[in-house]
Amino acid sequence: MKRLVEIRSYKLRPGAGAGFHAAVASAAVPMLRRWGTDVVAFGPSPHEPDTYFLIRAYADLDDLNARQNAFYGSDEWRQGPREGLLALIESFLNTVLWLSPNSIDDLRHSKAPKPP
């Protein structure tokens, strides 16, 4: 059964890549996983130094909306790493597409690029 995959691409403030990755890896991703979000992959994008990606998988669009509304509306997020991370982001773009479990596993097990 296919799942809905969201690819979020961030344009970071110049020079923010290392700090952003450290905060995402140590705080945001573990928090997302505690909230039941399937984080497939994340890391700096190798094509441009101040870009970053986060890939998450959901059952469908309703699942995506429910999980993200709960997470981003939570006190844990709002009183936690939210402000620090938002300060490092210039903009972001979400794209969603349906992928097979095998395609998602390929993304999950691909070697993530090294942080800046």
PDB file of N, CA and C in Angstrom:
ATOM      1  N   MET A   1       0.841  -1.178   0.000  1.00  0.00           N
ATOM      2  CA  MET A   1       0.000   0.000   0.000  1.00  0.00           C
ATOM      3  C   MET A   1       0.894   1.251   0.000  1.00  0.00           C
ATOM      4  N   LYS A   2       0.618   2.156  -0.893  1.00  0.00           N
ATOM      5  CA  LYS A   2       1.409   3.380  -0.988  1.00  0.00           C
ATOM      6  C   LYS A   2       1.137   4.286   0.215  1.00  0.00           C
ATOM      7  N   ARG A   3       2.141   5.103   0.531  1.00  0.00           N
ATOM      8  CA  ARG A   3       2.018   6.084   1.607  1.00  0.00           C
ATOM      9  C   ARG A   3       2.292   7.466   1.039  1.00  0.00           C
ATOM     10  N   LEU A   4       1.739   8.462   1.718  1.00  0.00           N
ATOM     11  CA  LEU A   4       1.955   9.842   1.311  1.00  0.00           C
ATOM     12  C   LEU A   4       3.268  10.321   1.932  1.00  0.00           C
ATOM     13  N   VAL A   5       4.158  10.775   1.095  1.00  0.00           N
ATOM     14  CA  VAL A   5       5.468  11.250   1.546  1.00  0.00           C
ATOM     15  C   VAL A   5       5.533  12.752   1.361  1.00  0.00           C
ATOM     16  N   GLU A   6       5.943  13.431   2.420  1.00  0.00           N
ATOM     17  CA  GLU A   6       6.143  14.874   2.366  1.00  0.00           C
ATOM     18  C   GLU A   6       7.645  15.145   2.347  1.00  0.00           C
ATOM     19  N   ILE A   7       8.065  15.927   1.380  1.00  0.00           N
ATOM     20  CA  ILE A   7       9.464  16.373   1.315  1.00  0.00           C
ATOM     21  C   ILE A   7       9.452  17.864   1.604  1.00  0.00           C
ATOM     22  N   ARG A   8      10.071  18.232   2.699  1.00  0.00           N
ATOM     23  CA  ARG A   8      10.174  19.650   3.065  1.00  0.00           C
ATOM     24  C   ARG A   8      11.603  20.090   2.775  1.00  0.00           C
ATOM     25  N   SER A   9      11.709  21.148   1.984  1.00  0.00           N
ATOM     26  CA  SER A   9      13.002  21.702   1.615  1.00  0.00           C
ATOM     27  C   SER A   9      13.132  23.072   2.271  1.00  0.00           C
ATOM     28  N   TYR A  10      14.199  23.262   3.005  1.00  0.00           N
ATOM     29  CA  TYR A  10      14.436  24.519   3.722  1.00  0.00           C
ATOM     30  C   TYR A  10      15.532  25.320   3.038  1.00  0.00           C
ATOM     31  N   LYS A  11      15.308  26.604   2.905  1.00  0.00           N
ATOM     32  CA  LYS A  11      16.365  27.554   2.542  1.00  0.00           C
ATOM     33  C   LYS A  11      16.771  28.205   3.848  1.00  0.00           C
ATOM     34  N   LEU A  12      18.010  27.951   4.266  1.00  0.00           N
ATOM     35  CA  LEU A  12      18.492  28.443   5.554  1.00  0.00           C
ATOM     36  C   LEU A  12      19.200  29.780   5.399  1.00  0.00           C
ATOM     37  N   ARG A  13      19.301  30.478   6.500  1.00  0.00           N
ATOM     38  CA  ARG A  13      20.076  31.719   6.518  1.00  0.00           C
ATOM     39  C   ARG A  13      21.539  31.362   6.261  1.00  0.00           C
ATOM     40  N   PRO A  14      22.275  32.233   5.598  1.00  0.00           N
ATOM     41  CA  PRO A  14      23.677  31.927   5.288  1.00  0.00           C
ATOM     42  C   PRO A  14      24.464  31.509   6.527  1.00  0.00           C
ATOM     43  N   GLY A  15      25.167  30.406   6.392  1.00  0.00           N
ATOM     44  CA  GLY A  15      26.019  29.905   7.469  1.00  0.00           C
ATOM     45  C   GLY A  15      25.294  29.168   8.578  1.00  0.00           C
ATOM     46  N   ALA A  16      23.992  28.938   8.450  1.00  0.00           N
ATOM     47  CA  ALA A  16      23.206  28.318   9.529  1.00  0.00           C
ATOM     48  C   ALA A  16      23.156  26.796   9.458  1.00  0.00           C
ATOM     49  N   GLY A  17      23.729  26.202   8.419  1.00  0.00           N
ATOM     50  CA  GLY A  17      23.571  24.767   8.183  1.00  0.00           C
ATOM     51  C   GLY A  17      23.991  23.870   9.334  1.00  0.00           C
ATOM     52  N   ALA A  18      25.166  24.081   9.886  1.00  0.00           N
ATOM     53  CA  ALA A  18      25.670  23.201  10.946  1.00  0.00           C
ATOM     54  C   ALA A  18      24.801  23.295  12.199  1.00  0.00           C
ATOM     55  N   GLY A  19      24.451  24.511  12.597  1.00  0.00           N
ATOM     56  CA  GLY A  19      23.613  24.691  13.777  1.00  0.00           C
ATOM     57  C   GLY A  19      22.214  24.138  13.579  1.00  0.00           C
ATOM     58  N   PHE A  20      21.675  24.311  12.368  1.00  0.00           N
ATOM     59  CA  PHE A  20      20.350  23.788  12.067  1.00  0.00           C
ATOM     60  C   PHE A  20      20.365  22.260  12.133  1.00  0.00           C
ATOM     61  N   HIS A  21      21.357  21.647  11.508  1.00  0.00           N
ATOM     62  CA  HIS A  21      21.439  20.187  11.523  1.00  0.00           C
ATOM     63  C   HIS A  21      21.589  19.658  12.955  1.00  0.00           C
ATOM     64  N   ALA A  22      22.416  20.288  13.741  1.00  0.00           N
ATOM     65  CA  ALA A  22      22.605  19.840  15.130  1.00  0.00           C
ATOM     66  C   ALA A  22      21.282  19.884  15.892  1.00  0.00           C
ATOM     67  N   ALA A  23      20.526  20.950  15.728  1.00  0.00           N
ATOM     68  CA  ALA A  23      19.245  21.087  16.445  1.00  0.00           C
ATOM     69  C   ALA A  23      18.196  20.110  15.916  1.00  0.00           C
ATOM     70  N   VAL A  24      18.165  19.907  14.607  1.00  0.00           N
ATOM     71  CA  VAL A  24      17.211  18.964  14.031  1.00  0.00           C
ATOM     72  C   VAL A  24      17.529  17.551  14.507  1.00  0.00           C
ATOM     73  N   ALA A  25      18.802  17.167  14.421  1.00  0.00           N
ATOM     74  CA  ALA A  25      19.192  15.798  14.783  1.00  0.00           C
ATOM     75  C   ALA A  25      19.038  15.515  16.272  1.00  0.00           C
ATOM     76  N   SER A  26      19.333  16.490  17.114  1.00  0.00           N
ATOM     77  CA  SER A  26      19.318  16.229  18.562  1.00  0.00           C
ATOM     78  C   SER A  26      17.978  16.519  19.224  1.00  0.00           C
ATOM     79  N   ALA A  27      17.170  17.400  18.634  1.00  0.00           N
ATOM     80  CA  ALA A  27      15.919  17.790  19.291  1.00  0.00           C
ATOM     81  C   ALA A  27      14.680  17.548  18.438  1.00  0.00           C
ATOM     82  N   ALA A  28      14.638  18.110  17.238  1.00  0.00           N
ATOM     83  CA  ALA A  28      13.399  18.077  16.449  1.00  0.00           C
ATOM     84  C   ALA A  28      13.029  16.670  15.979  1.00  0.00           C
ATOM     85  N   VAL A  29      13.980  15.934  15.411  1.00  0.00           N
ATOM     86  CA  VAL A  29      13.657  14.590  14.914  1.00  0.00           C
ATOM     87  C   VAL A  29      13.287  13.638  16.056  1.00  0.00           C
ATOM     88  N   PRO A  30      14.037  13.595  17.156  1.00  0.00           N
ATOM     89  CA  PRO A  30      13.588  12.731  18.253  1.00  0.00           C
ATOM     90  C   PRO A  30      12.194  13.118  18.771  1.00  0.00           C
ATOM     91  N   MET A  31      11.908  14.402  18.792  1.00  0.00           N
ATOM     92  CA  MET A  31      10.591  14.857  19.231  1.00  0.00           C
ATOM     93  C   MET A  31       9.510  14.414  18.247  1.00  0.00           C
ATOM     94  N   LEU A  32       9.748  14.595  16.950  1.00  0.00           N
ATOM     95  CA  LEU A  32       8.791  14.136  15.939  1.00  0.00           C
ATOM     96  C   LEU A  32       8.515  12.641  16.092  1.00  0.00           C
ATOM     97  N   ARG A  33       9.553  11.869  16.299  1.00  0.00           N
ATOM     98  CA  ARG A  33       9.379  10.418  16.448  1.00  0.00           C
ATOM     99  C   ARG A  33       8.598  10.072  17.710  1.00  0.00           C
ATOM    100  N   ARG A  34       8.812  10.803  18.798  1.00  0.00           N
ATOM    101  CA  ARG A  34       8.018  10.575  20.015  1.00  0.00           C
ATOM    102  C   ARG A  34       6.538  10.836  19.763  1.00  0.00           C
ATOM    103  N   TRP A  35       6.250  11.760  18.856  1.00  0.00           N
ATOM    104  CA  TRP A  35       4.870  12.100  18.513  1.00  0.00           C
ATOM    105  C   TRP A  35       4.307  11.161  17.443  1.00  0.00           C
ATOM    106  N   GLY A  36       5.050  10.125  17.081  1.00  0.00           N
ATOM    107  CA  GLY A  36       4.547   9.115  16.157  1.00  0.00           C
ATOM    108  C   GLY A  36       4.724   9.432  14.682  1.00  0.00           C
ATOM    109  N   THR A  37       5.553  10.411  14.361  1.00  0.00           N
ATOM    110  CA  THR A  37       5.804  10.756  12.964  1.00  0.00           C
ATOM    111  C   THR A  37       6.896   9.857  12.403  1.00  0.00           C
ATOM    112  N   ASP A  38       6.659   9.322  11.214  1.00  0.00           N
ATOM    113  CA  ASP A  38       7.648   8.492  10.529  1.00  0.00           C
ATOM    114  C   ASP A  38       8.614   9.409   9.783  1.00  0.00           C
ATOM    115  N   VAL A  39       9.744   9.700  10.412  1.00  0.00           N
ATOM    116  CA  VAL A  39      10.786  10.507   9.774  1.00  0.00           C
ATOM    117  C   VAL A  39      11.620   9.552   8.924  1.00  0.00           C
ATOM    118  N   VAL A  40      11.545   9.723   7.624  1.00  0.00           N
ATOM    119  CA  VAL A  40      12.204   8.825   6.684  1.00  0.00           C
ATOM    120  C   VAL A  40      13.678   9.191   6.526  1.00  0.00           C
ATOM    121  N   ALA A  41      13.956  10.469   6.338  1.00  0.00           N
ATOM    122  CA  ALA A  41      15.330  10.937   6.132  1.00  0.00           C
ATOM    123  C   ALA A  41      15.384  12.443   6.368  1.00  0.00           C
ATOM    124  N   PHE A  42      16.578  12.935   6.671  1.00  0.00           N
ATOM    125  CA  PHE A  42      16.790  14.368   6.860  1.00  0.00           C
ATOM    126  C   PHE A  42      18.266  14.661   6.735  1.00  0.00           C
ATOM    127  N   GLY A  43      18.579  15.897   6.394  1.00  0.00           N
ATOM    128  CA  GLY A  43      19.979  16.289   6.343  1.00  0.00           C
ATOM    129  C   GLY A  43      20.215  17.442   5.390  1.00  0.00           C
ATOM    130  N   PRO A  44      21.457  17.892   5.332  1.00  0.00           N
ATOM    131  CA  PRO A  44      21.805  18.973   4.416  1.00  0.00           C
ATOM    132  C   PRO A  44      21.738  18.473   2.973  1.00  0.00           C
ATOM    133  N   SER A  45      21.295  19.316   2.092  1.00  0.00           N
ATOM    134  CA  SER A  45      21.243  18.964   0.676  1.00  0.00           C
ATOM    135  C   SER A  45      22.607  19.247   0.056  1.00  0.00           C
ATOM    136  N   PRO A  46      23.137  18.315  -0.711  1.00  0.00           N
ATOM    137  CA  PRO A  46      24.487  18.507  -1.248  1.00  0.00           C
ATOM    138  C   PRO A  46      24.592  19.519  -2.388  1.00  0.00           C
ATOM    139  N   HIS A  47      23.463  20.007  -2.901  1.00  0.00           N
ATOM    140  CA  HIS A  47      23.527  20.879  -4.063  1.00  0.00           C
ATOM    141  C   HIS A  47      23.779  22.343  -3.736  1.00  0.00           C
ATOM    142  N   GLU A  48      23.535  22.732  -2.491  1.00  0.00           N
ATOM    143  CA  GLU A  48      23.691  24.138  -2.106  1.00  0.00           C
ATOM    144  C   GLU A  48      23.954  24.168  -0.597  1.00  0.00           C
ATOM    145  N   PRO A  49      24.913  24.952  -0.136  1.00  0.00           N
ATOM    146  CA  PRO A  49      25.310  24.867   1.274  1.00  0.00           C
ATOM    147  C   PRO A  49      24.240  25.268   2.291  1.00  0.00           C
ATOM    148  N   ASP A  50      23.321  26.103   1.931  1.00  0.00           N
ATOM    149  CA  ASP A  50      22.332  26.575   2.898  1.00  0.00           C
ATOM    150  C   ASP A  50      20.943  26.002   2.631  1.00  0.00           C
ATOM    151  N   THR A  51      20.907  24.736   2.202  1.00  0.00           N
ATOM    152  CA  THR A  51      19.627  24.059   2.004  1.00  0.00           C
ATOM    153  C   THR A  51      19.605  22.776   2.820  1.00  0.00           C
ATOM    154  N   TYR A  52      18.410  22.325   3.146  1.00  0.00           N
ATOM    155  CA  TYR A  52      18.231  21.187   4.046  1.00  0.00           C
ATOM    156  C   TYR A  52      16.927  20.499   3.673  1.00  0.00           C
ATOM    157  N   PHE A  53      16.824  19.207   3.968  1.00  0.00           N
ATOM    158  CA  PHE A  53      15.588  18.497   3.672  1.00  0.00           C
ATOM    159  C   PHE A  53      15.129  17.669   4.870  1.00  0.00           C
ATOM    160  N   LEU A  54      13.823  17.462   4.921  1.00  0.00           N
ATOM    161  CA  LEU A  54      13.181  16.596   5.913  1.00  0.00           C
ATOM    162  C   LEU A  54      12.115  15.813   5.159  1.00  0.00           C
ATOM    163  N   ILE A  55      12.195  14.478   5.227  1.00  0.00           N
ATOM    164  CA  ILE A  55      11.234  13.621   4.532  1.00  0.00           C
ATOM    165  C   ILE A  55      10.465  12.823   5.570  1.00  0.00           C
ATOM    166  N   ARG A  56       9.126  12.924   5.507  1.00  0.00           N
ATOM    167  CA  ARG A  56       8.247  12.212   6.439  1.00  0.00           C
ATOM    168  C   ARG A  56       7.204  11.437   5.651  1.00  0.00           C
ATOM    169  N   ALA A  57       6.744  10.320   6.205  1.00  0.00           N
ATOM    170  CA  ALA A  57       5.734   9.490   5.537  1.00  0.00           C
ATOM    171  C   ALA A  57       4.482   9.397   6.405  1.00  0.00           C
ATOM    172  N   TYR A  58       3.331   9.384   5.729  1.00  0.00           N
ATOM    173  CA  TYR A  58       2.028   9.353   6.392  1.00  0.00           C
ATOM    174  C   TYR A  58       1.105   8.372   5.674  1.00  0.00           C
ATOM    175  N   ALA A  59       0.042   7.977   6.339  1.00  0.00           N
ATOM    176  CA  ALA A  59      -0.946   7.094   5.728  1.00  0.00           C
ATOM    177  C   ALA A  59      -1.670   7.794   4.583  1.00  0.00           C
ATOM    178  N   ASP A  60      -2.006   9.076   4.788  1.00  0.00           N
ATOM    179  CA  ASP A  60      -2.749   9.852   3.795  1.00  0.00           C
ATOM    180  C   ASP A  60      -2.720  11.320   4.224  1.00  0.00           C
ATOM    181  N   LEU A  61      -3.411  12.171   3.483  1.00  0.00           N
ATOM    182  CA  LEU A  61      -3.392  13.603   3.774  1.00  0.00           C
ATOM    183  C   LEU A  61      -4.038  13.925   5.123  1.00  0.00           C
ATOM    184  N   ASP A  62      -5.099  13.205   5.480  1.00  0.00           N
ATOM    185  CA  ASP A  62      -5.714  13.422   6.791  1.00  0.00           C
ATOM    186  C   ASP A  62      -4.742  13.099   7.920  1.00  0.00           C
ATOM    187  N   ASP A  63      -3.978  12.018   7.761  1.00  0.00           N
ATOM    188  CA  ASP A  63      -2.977  11.643   8.763  1.00  0.00           C
ATOM    189  C   ASP A  63      -1.899  12.720   8.857  1.00  0.00           C
ATOM    190  N   LEU A  64      -1.427  13.211   7.716  1.00  0.00           N
ATOM    191  CA  LEU A  64      -0.420  14.278   7.703  1.00  0.00           C
ATOM    192  C   LEU A  64      -0.930  15.494   8.473  1.00  0.00           C
ATOM    193  N   ASN A  65      -2.138  15.941   8.132  1.00  0.00           N
ATOM    194  CA  ASN A  65      -2.686  17.138   8.783  1.00  0.00           C
ATOM    195  C   ASN A  65      -2.891  16.935  10.277  1.00  0.00           C
ATOM    196  N   ALA A  66      -3.429  15.794  10.672  1.00  0.00           N
ATOM    197  CA  ALA A  66      -3.682  15.538  12.093  1.00  0.00           C
ATOM    198  C   ALA A  66      -2.373  15.485  12.881  1.00  0.00           C
ATOM    199  N   ARG A  67      -1.380  14.768  12.362  1.00  0.00           N
ATOM    200  CA  ARG A  67      -0.100  14.643  13.086  1.00  0.00           C
ATOM    201  C   ARG A  67       0.636  15.981  13.156  1.00  0.00           C
ATOM    202  N   GLN A  68       0.651  16.716  12.051  1.00  0.00           N
ATOM    203  CA  GLN A  68       1.364  17.992  12.069  1.00  0.00           C
ATOM    204  C   GLN A  68       0.639  19.027  12.927  1.00  0.00           C
ATOM    205  N   ASN A  69      -0.677  19.049  12.888  1.00  0.00           N
ATOM    206  CA  ASN A  69      -1.411  19.984  13.754  1.00  0.00           C
ATOM    207  C   ASN A  69      -1.155  19.683  15.223  1.00  0.00           C
ATOM    208  N   ALA A  70      -1.160  18.413  15.587  1.00  0.00           N
ATOM    209  CA  ALA A  70      -0.911  18.037  16.980  1.00  0.00           C
ATOM    210  C   ALA A  70       0.515  18.399  17.388  1.00  0.00           C
ATOM    211  N   PHE A  71       1.479  18.042  16.546  1.00  0.00           N
ATOM    212  CA  PHE A  71       2.882  18.297  16.877  1.00  0.00           C
ATOM    213  C   PHE A  71       3.187  19.793  16.948  1.00  0.00           C
ATOM    214  N   TYR A  72       2.873  20.524  15.876  1.00  0.00           N
ATOM    215  CA  TYR A  72       3.236  21.942  15.823  1.00  0.00           C
ATOM    216  C   TYR A  72       2.409  22.800  16.773  1.00  0.00           C
ATOM    217  N   GLY A  73       1.300  22.276  17.252  1.00  0.00           N
ATOM    218  CA  GLY A  73       0.497  22.985  18.246  1.00  0.00           C
ATOM    219  C   GLY A  73       0.835  22.619  19.677  1.00  0.00           C
ATOM    220  N   SER A  74       1.757  21.679  19.855  1.00  0.00           N
ATOM    221  CA  SER A  74       2.078  21.186  21.203  1.00  0.00           C
ATOM    222  C   SER A  74       2.960  22.155  21.983  1.00  0.00           C
ATOM    223  N   ASP A  75       2.815  22.125  23.289  1.00  0.00           N
ATOM    224  CA  ASP A  75       3.693  22.907  24.161  1.00  0.00           C
ATOM    225  C   ASP A  75       5.138  22.433  24.042  1.00  0.00           C
ATOM    226  N   GLU A  76       5.328  21.121  23.854  1.00  0.00           N
ATOM    227  CA  GLU A  76       6.690  20.587  23.734  1.00  0.00           C
ATOM    228  C   GLU A  76       7.435  21.254  22.575  1.00  0.00           C
ATOM    229  N   TRP A  77       6.765  21.419  21.440  1.00  0.00           N
ATOM    230  CA  TRP A  77       7.388  22.073  20.289  1.00  0.00           C
ATOM    231  C   TRP A  77       7.502  23.577  20.500  1.00  0.00           C
ATOM    232  N   ARG A  78       6.404  24.201  20.913  1.00  0.00           N
ATOM    233  CA  ARG A  78       6.372  25.656  21.041  1.00  0.00           C
ATOM    234  C   ARG A  78       7.321  26.170  22.114  1.00  0.00           C
ATOM    235  N   GLN A  79       7.477  25.429  23.185  1.00  0.00           N
ATOM    236  CA  GLN A  79       8.362  25.853  24.266  1.00  0.00           C
ATOM    237  C   GLN A  79       9.742  25.216  24.156  1.00  0.00           C
ATOM    238  N   GLY A  80       9.917  24.380  23.135  1.00  0.00           N
ATOM    239  CA  GLY A  80      11.191  23.691  22.928  1.00  0.00           C
ATOM    240  C   GLY A  80      12.013  24.350  21.830  1.00  0.00           C
ATOM    241  N   PRO A  81      12.385  23.576  20.798  1.00  0.00           N
ATOM    242  CA  PRO A  81      13.327  24.077  19.789  1.00  0.00           C
ATOM    243  C   PRO A  81      12.728  24.992  18.724  1.00  0.00           C
ATOM    244  N   ARG A  82      11.444  25.246  18.764  1.00  0.00           N
ATOM    245  CA  ARG A  82      10.763  25.986  17.701  1.00  0.00           C
ATOM    246  C   ARG A  82      11.443  27.315  17.366  1.00  0.00           C
ATOM    247  N   GLU A  83      11.565  28.192  18.343  1.00  0.00           N
ATOM    248  CA  GLU A  83      12.099  29.539  18.080  1.00  0.00           C
ATOM    249  C   GLU A  83      13.524  29.502  17.539  1.00  0.00           C
ATOM    250  N   GLY A  84      14.351  28.646  18.125  1.00  0.00           N
ATOM    251  CA  GLY A  84      15.737  28.549  17.663  1.00  0.00           C
ATOM    252  C   GLY A  84      15.842  28.077  16.224  1.00  0.00           C
ATOM    253  N   LEU A  85      15.006  27.109  15.856  1.00  0.00           N
ATOM    254  CA  LEU A  85      15.027  26.609  14.481  1.00  0.00           C
ATOM    255  C   LEU A  85      14.450  27.624  13.500  1.00  0.00           C
ATOM    256  N   LEU A  86      13.330  28.221  13.862  1.00  0.00           N
ATOM    257  CA  LEU A  86      12.717  29.201  12.955  1.00  0.00           C
ATOM    258  C   LEU A  86      13.657  30.369  12.662  1.00  0.00           C
ATOM    259  N   ALA A  87      14.472  30.736  13.618  1.00  0.00           N
ATOM    260  CA  ALA A  87      15.416  31.845  13.428  1.00  0.00           C
ATOM    261  C   ALA A  87      16.466  31.530  12.358  1.00  0.00           C
ATOM    262  N   LEU A  88      16.675  30.246  12.059  1.00  0.00           N
ATOM    263  CA  LEU A  88      17.690  29.843  11.088  1.00  0.00           C
ATOM    264  C   LEU A  88      17.130  29.622   9.683  1.00  0.00           C
ATOM    265  N   ILE A  89      15.809  29.714   9.526  1.00  0.00           N
ATOM    266  CA  ILE A  89      15.147  29.413   8.255  1.00  0.00           C
ATOM    267  C   ILE A  89      14.735  30.697   7.537  1.00  0.00           C
ATOM    268  N   GLU A  90      15.102  30.802   6.260  1.00  0.00           N
ATOM    269  CA  GLU A  90      14.608  31.904   5.431  1.00  0.00           C
ATOM    270  C   GLU A  90      13.241  31.551   4.861  1.00  0.00           C
ATOM    271  N   SER A  91      13.104  30.318   4.353  1.00  0.00           N
ATOM    272  CA  SER A  91      11.843  29.872   3.772  1.00  0.00           C
ATOM    273  C   SER A  91      11.852  28.351   3.681  1.00  0.00           C
ATOM    274  N   PHE A  92      10.662  27.786   3.425  1.00  0.00           N
ATOM    275  CA  PHE A  92      10.596  26.350   3.175  1.00  0.00           C
ATOM    276  C   PHE A  92       9.472  26.062   2.203  1.00  0.00           C
ATOM    277  N   LEU A  93       9.561  24.895   1.579  1.00  0.00           N
ATOM    278  CA  LEU A  93       8.575  24.456   0.601  1.00  0.00           C
ATOM    279  C   LEU A  93       8.268  22.996   0.857  1.00  0.00           C
ATOM    280  N   ASN A  94       6.978  22.655   0.868  1.00  0.00           N
ATOM    281  CA  ASN A  94       6.547  21.264   1.030  1.00  0.00           C
ATOM    282  C   ASN A  94       6.071  20.715  -0.303  1.00  0.00           C
ATOM    283  N   THR A  95       6.425  19.471  -0.561  1.00  0.00           N
ATOM    284  CA  THR A  95       5.911  18.734  -1.705  1.00  0.00           C
ATOM    285  C   THR A  95       5.452  17.386  -1.188  1.00  0.00           C
ATOM    286  N   VAL A  96       4.287  16.915  -1.633  1.00  0.00           N
ATOM    287  CA  VAL A  96       3.816  15.592  -1.223  1.00  0.00           C
ATOM    288  C   VAL A  96       3.613  14.721  -2.456  1.00  0.00           C
ATOM    289  N   LEU A  97       3.880  13.432  -2.298  1.00  0.00           N
ATOM    290  CA  LEU A  97       3.682  12.473  -3.363  1.00  0.00           C
ATOM    291  C   LEU A  97       3.459  11.097  -2.762  1.00  0.00           C
ATOM    292  N   TRP A  98       2.829  10.240  -3.528  1.00  0.00           N
ATOM    293  CA  TRP A  98       2.577   8.877  -3.085  1.00  0.00           C
ATOM    294  C   TRP A  98       3.741   7.994  -3.520  1.00  0.00           C
ATOM    295  N   LEU A  99       4.261   7.192  -2.560  1.00  0.00           N
ATOM    296  CA  LEU A  99       5.356   6.275  -2.867  1.00  0.00           C
ATOM    297  C   LEU A  99       5.066   4.900  -2.288  1.00  0.00           C
ATOM    298  N   SER A 100       5.651   3.907  -2.920  1.00  0.00           N
ATOM    299  CA  SER A 100       5.529   2.530  -2.438  1.00  0.00           C
ATOM    300  C   SER A 100       6.402   2.343  -1.199  1.00  0.00           C
ATOM    301  N   PRO A 101       6.092   1.325  -0.402  1.00  0.00           N
ATOM    302  CA  PRO A 101       6.953   1.031   0.751  1.00  0.00           C
ATOM    303  C   PRO A 101       8.414   0.790   0.353  1.00  0.00           C
ATOM    304  N   ASN A 102       8.652   0.154  -0.785  1.00  0.00           N
ATOM    305  CA  ASN A 102      10.032  -0.087  -1.229  1.00  0.00           C
ATOM    306  C   ASN A 102      10.753   1.223  -1.537  1.00  0.00           C
ATOM    307  N   SER A 103      10.050   2.149  -2.169  1.00  0.00           N
ATOM    308  CA  SER A 103      10.659   3.449  -2.466  1.00  0.00           C
ATOM    309  C   SER A 103      10.973   4.212  -1.183  1.00  0.00           C
ATOM    310  N   ILE A 104      10.073   4.127  -0.217  1.00  0.00           N
ATOM    311  CA  ILE A 104      10.305   4.792   1.071  1.00  0.00           C
ATOM    312  C   ILE A 104      11.489   4.164   1.778  1.00  0.00           C
ATOM    313  N   ASP A 105      11.585   2.839   1.735  1.00  0.00           N
ATOM    314  CA  ASP A 105      12.740   2.171   2.352  1.00  0.00           C
ATOM    315  C   ASP A 105      14.037   2.564   1.666  1.00  0.00           C
ATOM    316  N   ASP A 106      14.022   2.723   0.343  1.00  0.00           N
ATOM    317  CA  ASP A 106      15.218   3.186  -0.367  1.00  0.00           C
ATOM    318  C   ASP A 106      15.650   4.559   0.149  1.00  0.00           C
ATOM    319  N   LEU A 107      14.688   5.461   0.339  1.00  0.00           N
ATOM    320  CA  LEU A 107      15.005   6.783   0.890  1.00  0.00           C
ATOM    321  C   LEU A 107      15.535   6.661   2.316  1.00  0.00           C
ATOM    322  N   ARG A 108      14.883   5.813   3.097  1.00  0.00           N
ATOM    323  CA  ARG A 108      15.244   5.640   4.505  1.00  0.00           C
ATOM    324  C   ARG A 108      16.687   5.143   4.662  1.00  0.00           C
ATOM    325  N   HIS A 109      17.108   4.278   3.756  1.00  0.00           N
ATOM    326  CA  HIS A 109      18.429   3.649   3.891  1.00  0.00           C
ATOM    327  C   HIS A 109      19.503   4.283   3.016  1.00  0.00           C
ATOM    328  N   SER A 110      19.149   5.344   2.325  1.00  0.00           N
ATOM    329  CA  SER A 110      20.167   6.032   1.531  1.00  0.00           C
ATOM    330  C   SER A 110      21.115   6.752   2.481  1.00  0.00           C
ATOM    331  N   LYS A 111      22.322   6.888   2.055  1.00  0.00           N
ATOM    332  CA  LYS A 111      23.303   7.557   2.903  1.00  0.00           C
ATOM    333  C   LYS A 111      23.035   9.055   2.919  1.00  0.00           C
ATOM    334  N   ALA A 112      22.783   9.572   4.106  1.00  0.00           N
ATOM    335  CA  ALA A 112      22.532  11.003   4.258  1.00  0.00           C
ATOM    336  C   ALA A 112      23.831  11.767   4.053  1.00  0.00           C
ATOM    337  N   PRO A 113      23.745  12.934   3.426  1.00  0.00           N
ATOM    338  CA  PRO A 113      24.952  13.755   3.258  1.00  0.00           C
ATOM    339  C   PRO A 113      25.479  14.224   4.607  1.00  0.00           C
ATOM    340  N   LYS A 114      26.756  14.488   4.653  1.00  0.00           N
ATOM    341  CA  LYS A 114      27.364  14.985   5.887  1.00  0.00           C
ATOM    342  C   LYS A 114      26.979  16.444   6.102  1.00  0.00           C
ATOM    343  N   PRO A 115      26.752  16.817   7.373  1.00  0.00           N
ATOM    344  CA  PRO A 115      26.420  18.214   7.657  1.00  0.00           C
ATOM    345  C   PRO A 115      27.582  19.138   7.333  1.00  0.00           C
ATOM    346  N   PRO A 116      27.263  20.416   7.074  1.00  0.00           N
ATOM    347  CA  PRO A 116      28.316  21.388   6.732  1.00  0.00           C
ATOM    348  C   PRO A 116      29.277  21.591   7.889  1.00  0.00           C
TER     349      PRO A 116
END
